Amino acid sequence: MLELAEAKLNVVTAISNNDDEESVAHLLHSQGCNIIFRALNLQLLTEFLSRYDLEIIVIYSKEFLTTSHIEELLINSSSTKFCRTITWS
């Protein structure tokens, strides 16, 4: 019987707080997600997204990206999806 492997999600984290980013990255990794980049700032995120034409999900914190940043990033990378994290503390 042929089993098809589940497609892994290509994920980029863009989270301001290091502890929160580490927790989210650990959770994503434990669920089999492929973390392809950890953005340290908006400039690095913008450069990364402009270089790659992959279907990517960016998990971000509200402190890292604003709605206007996201709108700007979507102009150049339409295959990217954005998902905001929830703060537990």
Protein backbone atom coordinates (compact mmCIF):
# COMPACT_ATOMS: atom_id res chain seq x y z
CA MET A 1 0.00 0.00 0.00
CA LEU A 2 1.37 3.39 -0.99
CA GLU A 3 1.27 6.03 1.71
CA LEU A 4 1.47 9.68 0.79
CA ALA A 5 3.52 11.83 3.11
CA GLU A 6 1.78 14.92 4.38
CA ALA A 7 3.08 18.11 2.86
CA LYS A 8 5.01 20.07 5.45
CA LEU A 9 4.12 23.69 5.96
CA ASN A 10 6.89 26.18 5.17
CA VAL A 11 6.84 28.54 8.13
CA VAL A 12 8.65 31.79 8.89
CA THR A 13 8.54 33.19 12.40
CA ALA A 14 8.49 36.95 12.96
CA ILE A 15 8.04 37.26 16.71
CA SER A 16 9.52 40.09 18.78
CA ASN A 17 9.83 38.32 22.12
CA ASN A 18 12.59 35.67 22.12
CA ASP A 19 10.87 33.44 24.68
CA ASP A 20 7.58 33.50 22.75
CA GLU A 21 9.42 32.82 19.48
CA GLU A 22 11.19 29.85 21.03
CA SER A 23 7.90 28.43 22.34
CA VAL A 24 6.15 28.87 19.00
CA ALA A 25 9.11 27.37 17.10
CA HIS A 26 9.15 24.36 19.44
CA LEU A 27 5.42 23.81 18.97
CA LEU A 28 5.67 24.13 15.18
CA HIS A 29 8.61 21.74 15.05
CA SER A 30 6.80 19.19 17.23
CA GLN A 31 3.91 19.25 14.76
CA GLY A 32 6.19 18.58 11.79
CA CYS A 33 6.28 22.09 10.34
CA ASN A 34 9.29 23.16 8.33
CA ILE A 35 10.63 26.39 9.86
CA ILE A 36 12.58 27.85 6.97
CA PHE A 37 13.48 31.25 8.46
CA ARG A 38 13.38 33.11 11.76
CA ALA A 39 13.12 36.81 11.04
CA LEU A 40 14.97 39.06 13.46
CA ASN A 41 13.61 42.30 12.03
CA LEU A 42 11.34 43.65 9.29
CA GLN A 43 14.18 44.29 6.85
CA LEU A 44 15.41 40.68 7.01
CA LEU A 45 11.85 39.40 6.63
CA THR A 46 11.29 41.61 3.58
CA GLU A 47 14.55 40.47 1.98
CA PHE A 48 13.78 36.82 2.64
CA LEU A 49 10.27 37.00 1.19
CA SER A 50 11.53 38.83 -1.91
CA ARG A 51 14.04 36.04 -2.65
CA TYR A 52 11.75 33.04 -2.32
CA ASP A 53 8.68 32.18 -4.34
CA LEU A 54 7.36 29.47 -2.05
CA GLU A 55 4.02 29.08 -0.37
CA ILE A 56 4.94 30.40 3.08
CA ILE A 57 3.07 31.03 6.30
CA VAL A 58 4.48 33.87 8.41
CA ILE A 59 3.63 33.58 12.08
CA TYR A 60 4.13 37.00 13.60
CA SER A 61 3.53 39.00 16.76
CA LYS A 62 1.59 42.25 16.71
CA GLU A 63 4.75 44.03 17.91
CA PHE A 64 6.71 42.76 14.89
CA LEU A 65 4.29 43.56 12.05
CA THR A 66 1.49 46.06 11.61
CA THR A 67 -1.37 45.77 9.15
CA SER A 68 0.34 48.25 6.82
CA HIS A 69 3.55 46.17 6.89
CA ILE A 70 1.59 43.08 5.93
CA GLU A 71 -0.19 44.88 3.10
CA GLU A 72 3.17 46.05 1.78
CA LEU A 73 4.69 42.57 1.99
CA LEU A 74 1.70 41.01 0.21
CA ILE A 75 2.25 43.23 -2.83
CA ASN A 76 5.51 41.42 -3.58
CA SER A 77 4.74 37.96 -2.23
CA SER A 78 1.16 36.97 -2.96
CA SER A 79 1.72 33.30 -2.05
CA THR A 80 2.52 34.26 1.55
CA LYS A 81 -0.08 33.88 4.30
CA PHE A 82 0.14 35.73 7.62
CA CYS A 83 -1.02 34.41 11.00
CA ARG A 84 -0.71 36.47 14.20
CA THR A 85 0.35 34.77 17.42
CA ILE A 86 -1.60 34.95 20.65
CA THR A 87 0.11 36.29 23.74
CA TRP A 88 -0.29 33.98 26.71
CA SER A 89 1.21 36.20 29.40
